[in-house]
Amino acid sequence: MKIHIREIDHVVIRATHVETLARFYCDVLGCSVEKEQRELGLTQLRAGRSLIDLLQVGAKLDRAENGEAGTGRNMDHLCLRVESFDADALKAHLSAHGARLGEQGVRYGADGFGPSLYLFDPEGNMVELKGPPEAARLTSL
């Protein structure tokens, strides 16, 4: 049997302050709340065709072996593919919302090489905003 992966379905981020992270991902990055299961400590956000699940530390679904949350070590990073990429506009928008910015560069992703900008959410998790692949940008000029 060969497994064929189509795309990322969801990413789970452990959070000490789910409401703060939900506001950040919705208000700053453009996600929307898809489903809340407060009894499980889970808020699911729609991010295009994928989901970002925010799991409250210490909630029913959280496991002790996950370690200490809020240290920015809940995952390496989450990459969100964005439809247009204007680095200056993105930096201004993110800075206006208090996001700590990381490195900008050209990086490889699911669609090939393209522009990319790292930033950090309120709990120290790294997020990458990835623009269209370079070939697509060149053919649209």
N, C-alpha and C. Protein backbone atom coordinates (compact mmCIF):
# COMPACT_ATOMS: atom_id res chain seq x y z
N MET A 1 0.84 -1.19 0.00
CA MET A 1 0.00 0.00 0.00
C MET A 1 0.88 1.24 0.00
N LYS A 2 0.55 2.21 -0.83
CA LYS A 2 1.26 3.49 -0.86
C LYS A 2 0.28 4.57 -0.42
N ILE A 3 0.70 5.37 0.52
CA ILE A 3 -0.14 6.47 1.02
C ILE A 3 0.15 7.70 0.16
N HIS A 4 -0.90 8.35 -0.36
CA HIS A 4 -0.78 9.56 -1.16
C HIS A 4 -1.31 10.74 -0.36
N ILE A 5 -0.43 11.62 0.03
CA ILE A 5 -0.84 12.79 0.80
C ILE A 5 -1.23 13.90 -0.15
N ARG A 6 -2.41 14.47 0.05
CA ARG A 6 -2.93 15.54 -0.79
C ARG A 6 -2.60 16.92 -0.25
N GLU A 7 -2.80 17.15 1.05
CA GLU A 7 -2.55 18.46 1.64
C GLU A 7 -2.57 18.34 3.15
N ILE A 8 -2.23 19.38 3.85
CA ILE A 8 -2.33 19.38 5.30
C ILE A 8 -3.80 19.53 5.67
N ASP A 9 -4.30 18.65 6.52
CA ASP A 9 -5.68 18.70 6.98
C ASP A 9 -5.81 19.69 8.13
N HIS A 10 -4.98 19.53 9.15
CA HIS A 10 -5.03 20.44 10.28
C HIS A 10 -3.71 20.41 11.05
N VAL A 11 -3.49 21.43 11.83
CA VAL A 11 -2.36 21.53 12.74
C VAL A 11 -2.96 21.82 14.11
N VAL A 12 -2.42 21.19 15.15
CA VAL A 12 -2.91 21.42 16.51
C VAL A 12 -1.84 22.20 17.28
N ILE A 13 -2.26 23.33 17.85
CA ILE A 13 -1.37 24.15 18.65
C ILE A 13 -1.89 24.14 20.08
N ARG A 14 -1.05 23.73 21.02
CA ARG A 14 -1.42 23.79 22.43
C ARG A 14 -1.30 25.25 22.87
N ALA A 15 -2.28 25.73 23.61
CA ALA A 15 -2.33 27.14 23.98
C ALA A 15 -2.66 27.32 25.44
N THR A 16 -1.98 28.28 26.06
CA THR A 16 -2.33 28.63 27.43
C THR A 16 -3.48 29.63 27.45
N HIS A 17 -3.66 30.37 26.36
CA HIS A 17 -4.73 31.37 26.24
C HIS A 17 -5.39 31.22 24.87
N VAL A 18 -6.32 30.28 24.75
CA VAL A 18 -6.97 29.98 23.47
C VAL A 18 -7.64 31.20 22.88
N GLU A 19 -8.33 31.98 23.70
CA GLU A 19 -9.05 33.16 23.19
C GLU A 19 -8.10 34.16 22.55
N THR A 20 -6.94 34.39 23.19
CA THR A 20 -5.95 35.33 22.64
C THR A 20 -5.43 34.83 21.30
N LEU A 21 -5.11 33.54 21.24
CA LEU A 21 -4.61 32.99 19.97
C LEU A 21 -5.69 33.00 18.90
N ALA A 22 -6.92 32.68 19.27
CA ALA A 22 -8.01 32.69 18.28
C ALA A 22 -8.18 34.10 17.70
N ARG A 23 -8.14 35.11 18.56
CA ARG A 23 -8.25 36.50 18.06
C ARG A 23 -7.11 36.82 17.11
N PHE A 24 -5.89 36.41 17.47
CA PHE A 24 -4.72 36.68 16.62
C PHE A 24 -4.89 36.02 15.25
N TYR A 25 -5.18 34.74 15.23
CA TYR A 25 -5.29 34.02 13.96
C TYR A 25 -6.48 34.51 13.13
N CYS A 26 -7.55 34.94 13.78
CA CYS A 26 -8.71 35.46 13.04
C CYS A 26 -8.53 36.91 12.63
N ASP A 27 -8.23 37.78 13.60
CA ASP A 27 -8.15 39.22 13.32
C ASP A 27 -6.92 39.62 12.52
N VAL A 28 -5.80 38.98 12.78
CA VAL A 28 -4.55 39.37 12.13
C VAL A 28 -4.28 38.55 10.86
N LEU A 29 -4.52 37.24 10.92
CA LEU A 29 -4.16 36.39 9.78
C LEU A 29 -5.34 35.98 8.91
N GLY A 30 -6.57 36.35 9.29
CA GLY A 30 -7.71 36.13 8.41
C GLY A 30 -8.40 34.78 8.52
N CYS A 31 -8.13 34.02 9.56
CA CYS A 31 -8.85 32.76 9.77
C CYS A 31 -10.25 33.07 10.31
N SER A 32 -11.07 32.04 10.43
CA SER A 32 -12.40 32.21 11.04
C SER A 32 -12.67 31.01 11.94
N VAL A 33 -13.49 31.24 12.96
CA VAL A 33 -13.83 30.14 13.87
C VAL A 33 -14.77 29.19 13.14
N GLU A 34 -14.37 27.94 13.07
CA GLU A 34 -15.16 26.90 12.41
C GLU A 34 -16.04 26.16 13.42
N LYS A 35 -15.44 25.80 14.56
CA LYS A 35 -16.16 25.00 15.54
C LYS A 35 -15.50 25.17 16.90
N GLU A 36 -16.32 25.29 17.94
CA GLU A 36 -15.81 25.35 19.30
C GLU A 36 -16.38 24.18 20.09
N GLN A 37 -15.50 23.48 20.76
CA GLN A 37 -15.90 22.37 21.63
C GLN A 37 -15.29 22.66 23.00
N ARG A 38 -15.91 23.58 23.71
CA ARG A 38 -15.37 24.05 24.98
C ARG A 38 -15.19 22.93 25.99
N GLU A 39 -16.08 21.94 25.97
CA GLU A 39 -15.97 20.83 26.92
C GLU A 39 -14.70 20.02 26.71
N LEU A 40 -14.13 20.10 25.50
CA LEU A 40 -12.88 19.42 25.19
C LEU A 40 -11.68 20.36 25.23
N GLY A 41 -11.95 21.67 25.38
CA GLY A 41 -10.88 22.65 25.36
C GLY A 41 -10.34 22.89 23.96
N LEU A 42 -11.21 22.75 22.94
CA LEU A 42 -10.77 22.80 21.55
C LEU A 42 -11.53 23.88 20.77
N THR A 43 -10.78 24.73 20.08
CA THR A 43 -11.35 25.70 19.14
C THR A 43 -10.71 25.44 17.79
N GLN A 44 -11.54 25.22 16.77
CA GLN A 44 -11.03 24.92 15.45
C GLN A 44 -11.25 26.13 14.53
N LEU A 45 -10.16 26.55 13.89
CA LEU A 45 -10.19 27.71 13.01
C LEU A 45 -10.03 27.27 11.56
N ARG A 46 -10.80 27.88 10.69
CA ARG A 46 -10.69 27.62 9.26
C ARG A 46 -9.56 28.48 8.70
N ALA A 47 -8.63 27.83 8.01
CA ALA A 47 -7.51 28.50 7.35
C ALA A 47 -7.48 28.01 5.91
N GLY A 48 -8.29 28.63 5.05
CA GLY A 48 -8.41 28.15 3.68
C GLY A 48 -9.06 26.79 3.68
N ARG A 49 -8.41 25.79 3.07
CA ARG A 49 -8.97 24.43 3.03
C ARG A 49 -8.54 23.61 4.25
N SER A 50 -7.75 24.20 5.13
CA SER A 50 -7.21 23.48 6.29
C SER A 50 -7.77 24.05 7.59
N LEU A 51 -7.46 23.36 8.68
CA LEU A 51 -7.87 23.80 10.01
C LEU A 51 -6.65 24.01 10.89
N ILE A 52 -6.75 24.99 11.77
CA ILE A 52 -5.80 25.18 12.85
C ILE A 52 -6.59 24.94 14.13
N ASP A 53 -6.23 23.89 14.85
CA ASP A 53 -6.90 23.56 16.10
C ASP A 53 -6.13 24.16 17.26
N LEU A 54 -6.81 24.88 18.11
CA LEU A 54 -6.20 25.44 19.32
C LEU A 54 -6.69 24.62 20.50
N LEU A 55 -5.77 23.97 21.18
CA LEU A 55 -6.08 23.08 22.28
C LEU A 55 -5.64 23.70 23.60
N GLN A 56 -6.58 23.91 24.49
CA GLN A 56 -6.30 24.50 25.80
C GLN A 56 -5.42 23.56 26.62
N VAL A 57 -4.29 24.09 27.10
CA VAL A 57 -3.41 23.31 27.96
C VAL A 57 -4.19 22.86 29.19
N GLY A 58 -4.06 21.58 29.52
CA GLY A 58 -4.73 21.04 30.70
C GLY A 58 -6.15 20.58 30.45
N ALA A 59 -6.66 20.78 29.23
CA ALA A 59 -8.02 20.36 28.89
C ALA A 59 -8.07 18.85 28.72
N LYS A 60 -9.27 18.35 28.54
CA LYS A 60 -9.51 16.91 28.43
C LYS A 60 -8.64 16.23 27.36
N LEU A 61 -8.47 16.87 26.20
CA LEU A 61 -7.69 16.26 25.11
C LEU A 61 -6.18 16.45 25.25
N ASP A 62 -5.75 17.36 26.13
CA ASP A 62 -4.33 17.63 26.29
C ASP A 62 -3.68 16.47 27.05
N ARG A 63 -2.49 16.09 26.60
CA ARG A 63 -1.78 14.97 27.24
C ARG A 63 -0.57 15.50 28.00
N ALA A 64 -0.33 14.96 29.18
CA ALA A 64 0.78 15.39 30.03
C ALA A 64 2.13 15.26 29.33
N GLU A 65 2.28 14.24 28.47
CA GLU A 65 3.56 14.04 27.79
C GLU A 65 3.89 15.13 26.78
N ASN A 66 2.93 16.03 26.52
CA ASN A 66 3.19 17.14 25.60
C ASN A 66 4.12 18.18 26.20
N GLY A 67 4.32 18.15 27.52
CA GLY A 67 5.25 19.09 28.14
C GLY A 67 4.65 20.45 28.39
N GLU A 68 5.52 21.39 28.71
CA GLU A 68 5.10 22.74 29.07
C GLU A 68 4.71 23.54 27.83
N ALA A 69 3.54 24.13 27.86
CA ALA A 69 3.08 24.94 26.72
C ALA A 69 3.47 26.40 26.92
N GLY A 70 3.27 27.20 25.88
CA GLY A 70 3.55 28.62 25.96
C GLY A 70 5.02 28.95 25.85
N THR A 71 5.85 27.97 25.51
CA THR A 71 7.28 28.21 25.39
C THR A 71 7.70 28.30 23.93
N GLY A 72 6.73 28.28 23.01
CA GLY A 72 7.06 28.33 21.60
C GLY A 72 7.61 27.01 21.09
N ARG A 73 7.44 25.93 21.84
CA ARG A 73 7.96 24.63 21.45
C ARG A 73 6.83 23.63 21.21
N ASN A 74 5.65 24.13 20.90
CA ASN A 74 4.51 23.27 20.66
C ASN A 74 4.58 22.64 19.28
N MET A 75 5.38 23.21 18.38
CA MET A 75 5.63 22.73 17.02
C MET A 75 6.76 23.60 16.49
N ASP A 76 7.33 23.27 15.34
CA ASP A 76 8.38 24.13 14.78
C ASP A 76 7.75 25.38 14.18
N HIS A 77 6.88 25.19 13.19
CA HIS A 77 6.14 26.33 12.65
C HIS A 77 4.95 25.85 11.84
N LEU A 78 4.05 26.76 11.62
CA LEU A 78 2.86 26.54 10.81
C LEU A 78 3.03 27.41 9.58
N CYS A 79 2.87 26.84 8.39
CA CYS A 79 2.99 27.63 7.16
C CYS A 79 1.61 27.83 6.55
N LEU A 80 1.25 29.09 6.35
CA LEU A 80 -0.02 29.45 5.72
C LEU A 80 0.28 30.03 4.35
N ARG A 81 -0.26 29.41 3.31
CA ARG A 81 -0.08 29.90 1.94
C ARG A 81 -1.03 31.06 1.73
N VAL A 82 -0.52 32.22 1.34
CA VAL A 82 -1.35 33.40 1.10
C VAL A 82 -1.43 33.65 -0.41
N GLU A 83 -2.54 34.20 -0.85
CA GLU A 83 -2.79 34.37 -2.29
C GLU A 83 -1.95 35.48 -2.92
N SER A 84 -1.73 36.55 -2.21
CA SER A 84 -0.85 37.59 -2.73
C SER A 84 0.20 37.87 -1.66
N PHE A 85 1.34 38.36 -2.09
CA PHE A 85 2.43 38.56 -1.14
C PHE A 85 3.05 39.92 -1.39
N ASP A 86 2.72 40.88 -0.54
CA ASP A 86 3.31 42.20 -0.55
C ASP A 86 4.02 42.33 0.79
N ALA A 87 5.33 42.10 0.79
CA ALA A 87 6.09 42.02 2.04
C ALA A 87 5.93 43.27 2.89
N ASP A 88 6.01 44.45 2.27
CA ASP A 88 5.90 45.69 3.04
C ASP A 88 4.52 45.83 3.67
N ALA A 89 3.48 45.53 2.91
CA ALA A 89 2.12 45.62 3.44
C ALA A 89 1.90 44.59 4.55
N LEU A 90 2.41 43.37 4.36
CA LEU A 90 2.27 42.35 5.39
C LEU A 90 2.98 42.77 6.68
N LYS A 91 4.21 43.27 6.54
CA LYS A 91 4.97 43.70 7.72
C LYS A 91 4.26 44.83 8.45
N ALA A 92 3.73 45.79 7.71
CA ALA A 92 3.02 46.91 8.34
C ALA A 92 1.78 46.41 9.08
N HIS A 93 1.02 45.53 8.45
CA HIS A 93 -0.19 44.97 9.06
C HIS A 93 0.15 44.20 10.33
N LEU A 94 1.14 43.33 10.24
CA LEU A 94 1.51 42.50 11.38
C LEU A 94 2.06 43.34 12.53
N SER A 95 2.91 44.31 12.19
CA SER A 95 3.47 45.19 13.22
C SER A 95 2.38 46.00 13.91
N ALA A 96 1.40 46.46 13.14
CA ALA A 96 0.29 47.23 13.72
C ALA A 96 -0.51 46.40 14.71
N HIS A 97 -0.46 45.08 14.57
CA HIS A 97 -1.17 44.19 15.48
C HIS A 97 -0.25 43.61 16.55
N GLY A 98 0.96 44.15 16.65
CA GLY A 98 1.87 43.73 17.70
C GLY A 98 2.58 42.42 17.48
N ALA A 99 2.53 41.89 16.27
CA ALA A 99 3.20 40.61 16.00
C ALA A 99 4.71 40.84 15.91
N ARG A 100 5.47 39.93 16.47
CA ARG A 100 6.92 39.97 16.36
C ARG A 100 7.29 39.35 15.02
N LEU A 101 8.04 40.09 14.21
CA LEU A 101 8.41 39.63 12.88
C LEU A 101 9.70 38.82 12.91
N GLY A 102 9.79 37.87 12.00
CA GLY A 102 10.99 37.07 11.82
C GLY A 102 11.61 37.37 10.47
N GLU A 103 12.36 36.42 9.95
CA GLU A 103 13.08 36.61 8.70
C GLU A 103 12.16 36.53 7.48
N GLN A 104 12.50 37.33 6.48
CA GLN A 104 11.84 37.28 5.17
C GLN A 104 12.82 36.62 4.21
N GLY A 105 12.30 35.86 3.26
CA GLY A 105 13.18 35.23 2.28
C GLY A 105 12.39 34.52 1.21
N VAL A 106 13.10 33.79 0.39
CA VAL A 106 12.49 32.92 -0.62
C VAL A 106 12.73 31.50 -0.14
N ARG A 107 11.63 30.76 0.03
CA ARG A 107 11.74 29.41 0.58
C ARG A 107 10.93 28.43 -0.26
N TYR A 108 11.29 27.17 -0.12
CA TYR A 108 10.59 26.11 -0.84
C TYR A 108 9.39 25.64 -0.04
N GLY A 109 8.27 25.43 -0.71
CA GLY A 109 7.06 24.91 -0.09
C GLY A 109 6.33 23.99 -1.05
N ALA A 110 5.09 23.70 -0.75
CA ALA A 110 4.30 22.75 -1.53
C ALA A 110 4.18 23.14 -3.01
N ASP A 111 4.18 24.44 -3.29
CA ASP A 111 4.04 24.92 -4.67
C ASP A 111 5.37 25.30 -5.32
N GLY A 112 6.49 25.07 -4.64
CA GLY A 112 7.79 25.45 -5.17
C GLY A 112 8.36 26.63 -4.41
N PHE A 113 9.40 27.24 -4.95
CA PHE A 113 10.03 28.38 -4.31
C PHE A 113 9.16 29.62 -4.43
N GLY A 114 9.10 30.39 -3.36
CA GLY A 114 8.32 31.62 -3.38
C GLY A 114 8.65 32.47 -2.17
N PRO A 115 8.13 33.69 -2.15
CA PRO A 115 8.42 34.60 -1.05
C PRO A 115 7.80 34.11 0.26
N SER A 116 8.45 34.46 1.35
CA SER A 116 8.02 33.94 2.64
C SER A 116 8.40 34.93 3.73
N LEU A 117 7.57 34.98 4.77
CA LEU A 117 7.83 35.84 5.92
C LEU A 117 7.48 35.08 7.18
N TYR A 118 8.41 35.04 8.13
CA TYR A 118 8.15 34.43 9.42
C TYR A 118 7.64 35.48 10.39
N LEU A 119 6.79 35.04 11.32
CA LEU A 119 6.31 35.88 12.41
C LEU A 119 6.01 34.97 13.59
N PHE A 120 5.73 35.57 14.74
CA PHE A 120 5.47 34.78 15.93
C PHE A 120 4.14 35.20 16.53
N ASP A 121 3.32 34.20 16.90
CA ASP A 121 2.02 34.48 17.50
C ASP A 121 2.21 34.86 18.97
N PRO A 122 1.12 35.24 19.67
CA PRO A 122 1.26 35.70 21.06
C PRO A 122 1.86 34.68 22.03
N GLU A 123 1.89 33.39 21.68
CA GLU A 123 2.48 32.40 22.58
C GLU A 123 3.84 31.91 22.09
N GLY A 124 4.42 32.61 21.11
CA GLY A 124 5.77 32.30 20.65
C GLY A 124 5.87 31.26 19.56
N ASN A 125 4.74 30.80 19.02
CA ASN A 125 4.77 29.84 17.92
C ASN A 125 5.14 30.56 16.63
N MET A 126 6.03 29.96 15.85
CA MET A 126 6.43 30.57 14.60
C MET A 126 5.41 30.22 13.51
N VAL A 127 5.04 31.24 12.74
CA VAL A 127 4.11 31.10 11.61
C VAL A 127 4.83 31.62 10.38
N GLU A 128 4.69 30.91 9.28
CA GLU A 128 5.26 31.35 8.00
C GLU A 128 4.11 31.72 7.08
N LEU A 129 4.19 32.92 6.51
CA LEU A 129 3.25 33.32 5.45
C LEU A 129 3.99 33.11 4.15
N LYS A 130 3.44 32.25 3.28
CA LYS A 130 4.11 31.86 2.03
C LYS A 130 3.31 32.36 0.85
N GLY A 131 3.97 33.10 -0.03
CA GLY A 131 3.33 33.63 -1.22
C GLY A 131 3.33 32.64 -2.37
N PRO A 132 2.81 33.08 -3.52
CA PRO A 132 2.75 32.22 -4.70
C PRO A 132 4.15 31.83 -5.17
N PRO A 133 4.26 30.70 -5.84
CA PRO A 133 5.58 30.29 -6.34
C PRO A 133 6.12 31.29 -7.34
N GLU A 134 7.44 31.35 -7.45
CA GLU A 134 8.09 32.33 -8.32
C GLU A 134 7.63 32.21 -9.76
N ALA A 135 7.45 30.99 -10.27
CA ALA A 135 7.01 30.80 -11.67
C ALA A 135 5.66 31.45 -11.90
N ALA A 136 4.75 31.33 -10.94
CA ALA A 136 3.43 31.94 -11.08
C ALA A 136 3.53 33.45 -11.06
N ARG A 137 4.42 33.98 -10.24
CA ARG A 137 4.60 35.43 -10.18
C ARG A 137 5.16 35.96 -11.49
N LEU A 138 6.11 35.24 -12.07
CA LEU A 138 6.73 35.68 -13.31
C LEU A 138 5.77 35.67 -14.48
N THR A 139 4.88 34.66 -14.53
CA THR A 139 3.95 34.58 -15.65
C THR A 139 2.82 35.59 -15.52
N SER A 140 2.58 36.12 -14.31
CA SER A 140 1.50 37.09 -14.13
C SER A 140 1.98 38.51 -14.36
N LEU A 141 3.29 38.73 -14.55
CA LEU A 141 3.81 40.10 -14.75
C LEU A 141 3.61 40.57 -16.16
